[in-house]
């Protein structure tokens, strides 16, 4: 029987995915939902010394979530780094296959997340990811890709920047049917619904689970179904 690798995860999505694969990391970020695992800083400010001290066989990172400087710093200290790059739903299956291979796990059939039927919700949406300034995302991001897979068109899909700053006047001009306020990375609440109701009259404004929208990997298939159900029509 092969010895399980000692893994540090610097991405909440990957921590969740590793546990689903039967591997409990020896270290993770403070943003992960595993309080019993040693925390080694954040996604953008990992504690390099703490990571080196617990002697992982491999540190898993992501190009979108983590900084190249930190990956280079770990490599310079002799730490093996495995980096994923997930910017679309279609990236999830090959990422899982590559991750299993790197961890020495047996190949396993992985179901395509979009193979799970979801009732279409053909609507346009503005997806807020930050406030002061207001920020959103374009088509070349995982969240936008996930929404597209359930029929929701991102009104800023064609923006040149992956995560652009925008004004509410620009949002109004695009007349989205939906405004989506995820619970992370900015903690949108009911008071923000009231603010946007006044600023963008007529839009259907929803608070949604930010983890389901932005965390990829083991969560993707079920998250896609949950979002499809939540956004399939107006709330009564």
Protein backbone atom coordinates (compact mmCIF):
# COMPACT_ATOMS: atom_id res chain seq x y z
CA UNK A 1 0.00 0.00 0.00
CA UNK A 2 1.43 3.36 -1.04
CA UNK A 3 2.22 5.90 1.66
CA UNK A 4 -0.08 8.92 1.52
CA UNK A 5 1.70 12.14 0.68
CA UNK A 6 1.87 14.99 3.18
CA UNK A 7 0.09 17.84 1.41
CA UNK A 8 -0.33 21.53 2.20
CA UNK A 9 -3.19 23.28 0.40
CA UNK A 10 -3.16 27.02 -0.18
CA UNK A 11 -6.58 27.11 -1.87
CA UNK A 12 -9.91 26.50 -0.07
CA UNK A 13 -11.33 24.76 -3.17
CA UNK A 14 -8.38 22.39 -3.24
CA UNK A 15 -8.56 21.70 0.50
CA UNK A 16 -12.19 20.66 0.10
CA UNK A 17 -11.31 18.60 -2.97
CA UNK A 18 -8.38 16.85 -1.29
CA UNK A 19 -10.59 15.78 1.60
CA UNK A 20 -13.17 14.45 -0.89
CA UNK A 21 -10.34 12.40 -2.42
CA UNK A 22 -9.50 10.94 0.99
CA UNK A 23 -6.44 13.11 1.71
CA UNK A 24 -6.47 15.38 4.73
CA UNK A 25 -3.89 18.15 4.27
CA UNK A 26 -1.32 18.72 7.00
CA UNK A 27 -1.69 22.45 6.48
CA UNK A 28 -4.17 24.84 4.86
CA UNK A 29 -5.13 28.51 4.77
CA UNK A 30 -7.13 30.39 7.35
CA UNK A 31 -9.86 30.76 4.73
CA UNK A 32 -10.39 27.01 4.53
CA UNK A 33 -13.22 25.49 6.54
CA UNK A 34 -11.12 23.00 8.46
CA UNK A 35 -10.29 24.48 11.90
CA UNK A 36 -8.54 21.29 13.06
CA UNK A 37 -5.90 21.52 10.32
CA UNK A 38 -2.81 23.67 10.95
CA UNK A 39 -3.27 27.08 9.33
CA UNK A 40 -0.29 28.45 7.42
CA UNK A 41 -1.44 31.94 6.48
CA UNK A 42 -3.73 33.01 3.68
CA UNK A 43 -4.00 32.50 -0.05
CA UNK A 44 -2.12 35.72 -0.81
CA UNK A 45 0.13 35.77 2.28
CA UNK A 46 1.16 32.21 3.16
CA UNK A 47 3.64 31.74 5.97
CA UNK A 48 6.55 30.26 4.01
CA UNK A 49 8.58 29.42 7.13
CA UNK A 50 5.62 27.61 8.72
CA UNK A 51 5.04 25.59 5.55
CA UNK A 52 8.68 24.56 5.29
CA UNK A 53 8.70 23.62 8.99
CA UNK A 54 5.94 21.00 8.62
CA UNK A 55 7.85 19.37 5.72
CA UNK A 56 5.16 18.71 3.13
CA UNK A 57 5.79 16.40 0.20
CA UNK A 58 3.90 18.83 -2.00
CA UNK A 59 2.11 22.18 -1.73
CA UNK A 60 -0.94 22.59 -3.96
CA UNK A 61 -1.66 26.07 -5.29
CA UNK A 62 -3.64 27.72 -8.08
CA UNK A 63 -2.50 30.36 -10.54
CA UNK A 64 -5.65 32.44 -10.07
CA UNK A 65 -5.80 32.17 -6.28
CA UNK A 66 -2.15 32.38 -5.25
CA UNK A 67 0.87 34.53 -6.05
CA UNK A 68 3.73 33.41 -8.26
CA UNK A 69 6.21 35.00 -5.83
CA UNK A 70 5.05 32.64 -3.07
CA UNK A 71 5.33 29.60 -5.35
CA UNK A 72 8.85 30.69 -6.28
CA UNK A 73 9.74 31.23 -2.61
CA UNK A 74 8.60 27.73 -1.72
CA UNK A 75 10.47 26.22 -4.66
CA UNK A 76 13.61 28.09 -3.60
CA UNK A 77 13.32 26.42 -0.19
CA UNK A 78 13.17 23.00 -1.81
CA UNK A 79 9.41 22.53 -1.55
CA UNK A 80 7.63 20.77 -4.40
CA UNK A 81 4.74 22.88 -5.72
CA UNK A 82 1.84 21.61 -7.81
CA UNK A 83 -0.16 24.43 -9.42
CA UNK A 84 -3.62 24.14 -10.91
CA UNK A 85 -5.20 26.66 -13.29
CA UNK A 86 -9.00 26.66 -13.23
CA UNK A 87 -10.79 29.46 -15.07
CA UNK A 88 -13.77 27.53 -16.46
CA UNK A 89 -16.03 24.59 -15.65
CA UNK A 90 -14.34 22.66 -18.47
CA UNK A 91 -11.05 22.88 -16.56
CA UNK A 92 -12.36 20.92 -13.58
CA UNK A 93 -12.20 17.36 -14.96
CA UNK A 94 -8.62 17.60 -16.32
CA UNK A 95 -7.53 19.36 -13.11
CA UNK A 96 -8.92 16.51 -11.00
CA UNK A 97 -7.18 13.94 -13.19
CA UNK A 98 -3.85 15.80 -12.94
CA UNK A 99 -4.24 16.20 -9.17
CA UNK A 100 -4.94 12.49 -8.69
CA UNK A 101 -1.90 11.62 -10.76
CA UNK A 102 0.38 14.00 -8.82
CA UNK A 103 -0.80 12.55 -5.52
CA UNK A 104 -0.28 8.99 -6.65
CA UNK A 105 -3.96 8.12 -6.55
CA UNK A 106 -5.37 5.54 -8.92
CA UNK A 107 -7.08 6.97 -12.01
CA UNK A 108 -10.82 7.15 -11.56
CA UNK A 109 -13.62 8.01 -13.99
CA UNK A 110 -14.63 11.60 -13.34
CA UNK A 111 -18.07 12.73 -14.38
CA UNK A 112 -18.21 15.92 -16.39
CA UNK A 113 -19.95 18.50 -14.15
CA UNK A 114 -22.05 19.81 -17.03
CA UNK A 115 -23.35 16.30 -17.76
CA UNK A 116 -25.72 16.76 -14.84
CA UNK A 117 -28.98 18.16 -16.18
CA UNK A 118 -29.93 21.60 -14.90
CA UNK A 119 -33.11 23.40 -15.90
CA UNK A 120 -32.02 26.33 -18.07
CA UNK A 121 -32.42 29.83 -16.70
CA UNK A 122 -31.91 32.07 -19.77
CA UNK A 123 -31.37 35.41 -18.08
CA UNK A 124 -28.72 38.13 -18.05
CA UNK A 125 -26.89 39.03 -14.85
CA UNK A 126 -24.51 41.47 -13.22
CA UNK A 127 -22.31 39.58 -10.75
CA UNK A 128 -20.90 41.80 -8.01
CA UNK A 129 -17.72 40.53 -6.37
CA UNK A 130 -16.69 43.70 -4.49
CA UNK A 131 -18.00 47.06 -3.32
CA UNK A 132 -16.11 50.38 -3.04
CA UNK A 133 -15.29 50.09 -5.83
CA UNK A 134 -17.91 47.88 -7.41
CA UNK A 135 -16.18 45.01 -9.16
CA UNK A 136 -17.34 42.16 -11.36
CA UNK A 137 -15.86 39.47 -13.62
CA UNK A 138 -15.64 38.74 -17.33
CA UNK A 139 -16.23 35.55 -19.32
CA UNK A 140 -12.71 34.19 -18.72
CA UNK A 141 -13.39 33.32 -15.08
CA UNK A 142 -14.71 30.21 -13.38
CA UNK A 143 -17.76 31.95 -11.88
CA UNK A 144 -18.88 33.36 -15.20
CA UNK A 145 -18.33 29.98 -16.84
CA UNK A 146 -20.44 28.24 -14.20
CA UNK A 147 -23.29 30.70 -14.69
CA UNK A 148 -23.09 30.31 -18.48
CA UNK A 149 -23.46 26.54 -18.02
CA UNK A 150 -26.89 27.12 -16.46
CA UNK A 151 -27.96 29.65 -19.06
CA UNK A 152 -27.13 32.90 -17.27
CA UNK A 153 -25.33 35.47 -19.43
CA UNK A 154 -22.83 37.75 -17.73
CA UNK A 155 -23.45 41.33 -18.92
CA UNK A 156 -19.75 42.12 -18.50
CA UNK A 157 -18.58 38.95 -20.26
CA UNK A 158 -16.79 40.90 -23.00
CA UNK A 159 -14.87 43.24 -20.70
CA UNK A 160 -11.13 43.27 -21.36
CA UNK A 161 -10.24 42.78 -17.68
CA UNK A 162 -10.90 39.54 -15.83
CA UNK A 163 -12.03 41.43 -12.71
CA UNK A 164 -12.97 44.97 -13.74
CA UNK A 165 -14.08 47.88 -11.60
CA UNK A 166 -17.42 49.24 -12.81
CA UNK A 167 -19.95 51.91 -11.88
CA UNK A 168 -23.61 51.37 -11.10
CA UNK A 169 -24.40 53.69 -14.03
CA UNK A 170 -22.62 51.20 -16.30
CA UNK A 171 -24.61 48.38 -14.73
CA UNK A 172 -27.89 50.25 -15.31
CA UNK A 173 -26.98 50.89 -18.94
CA UNK A 174 -26.62 47.13 -19.55
CA UNK A 175 -30.05 46.45 -17.97
CA UNK A 176 -29.33 43.06 -16.37
CA UNK A 177 -32.35 40.96 -15.45
CA UNK A 178 -30.52 39.64 -12.40
CA UNK A 179 -28.05 41.14 -9.96
CA UNK A 180 -26.16 38.44 -8.07
CA UNK A 181 -24.60 39.22 -4.71
CA UNK A 182 -22.42 36.31 -3.56
CA UNK A 183 -21.50 35.78 0.08
CA UNK A 184 -17.79 35.99 -0.82
CA UNK A 185 -15.25 37.39 -1.54
CA UNK A 186 -17.24 40.44 -0.36
CA UNK A 187 -19.83 39.60 2.33
CA UNK A 188 -22.93 40.99 0.64
CA UNK A 189 -26.02 41.22 2.88
CA UNK A 190 -29.63 42.41 2.78
CA UNK A 191 -28.58 46.05 3.18
CA UNK A 192 -26.77 45.79 -0.15
CA UNK A 193 -29.91 44.41 -1.77
CA UNK A 194 -31.73 47.56 -0.67
CA UNK A 195 -28.89 49.75 -1.96
CA UNK A 196 -28.95 48.13 -5.39
CA UNK A 197 -32.74 48.09 -5.59
CA UNK A 198 -32.62 51.88 -5.47
CA UNK A 199 -29.63 52.14 -7.83
CA UNK A 200 -30.76 49.65 -10.50
CA UNK A 201 -34.57 49.71 -10.61
CA UNK A 202 -36.30 46.65 -12.02
CA UNK A 203 -33.47 44.15 -11.52
CA UNK A 204 -34.14 40.88 -9.70
CA UNK A 205 -31.52 41.00 -6.93
CA UNK A 206 -30.39 37.75 -5.30
CA UNK A 207 -28.07 36.88 -2.46
CA UNK A 208 -26.29 33.65 -3.43
CA UNK A 209 -23.73 31.25 -1.99
CA UNK A 210 -20.29 32.54 -2.97
CA UNK A 211 -18.66 29.20 -2.34
CA UNK A 212 -20.99 27.50 -4.81
CA UNK A 213 -20.21 30.17 -7.39
CA UNK A 214 -16.44 30.39 -6.94
CA UNK A 215 -15.16 27.18 -5.32
CA UNK A 216 -14.30 24.57 -7.95
CA UNK A 217 -13.35 20.93 -7.79
CA UNK A 218 -15.24 18.38 -5.72
CA UNK A 219 -18.05 20.91 -5.22
CA UNK A 220 -18.65 21.83 -8.87
CA UNK A 221 -21.34 19.37 -9.92
CA UNK A 222 -23.60 19.83 -6.89
CA UNK A 223 -22.95 23.59 -6.77
CA UNK A 224 -24.03 23.93 -10.38
CA UNK A 225 -27.29 22.12 -9.62
CA UNK A 226 -27.94 24.24 -6.51
CA UNK A 227 -27.33 27.50 -8.38
CA UNK A 228 -29.49 26.33 -11.28
CA UNK A 229 -32.34 25.65 -8.88
CA UNK A 230 -31.84 28.89 -6.96
CA UNK A 231 -31.74 31.05 -10.09
CA UNK A 232 -34.25 29.23 -12.25
CA UNK A 233 -36.96 31.78 -11.71
CA UNK A 234 -38.14 34.68 -9.55
CA UNK A 235 -38.57 34.14 -5.84
CA UNK A 236 -42.26 34.04 -4.89
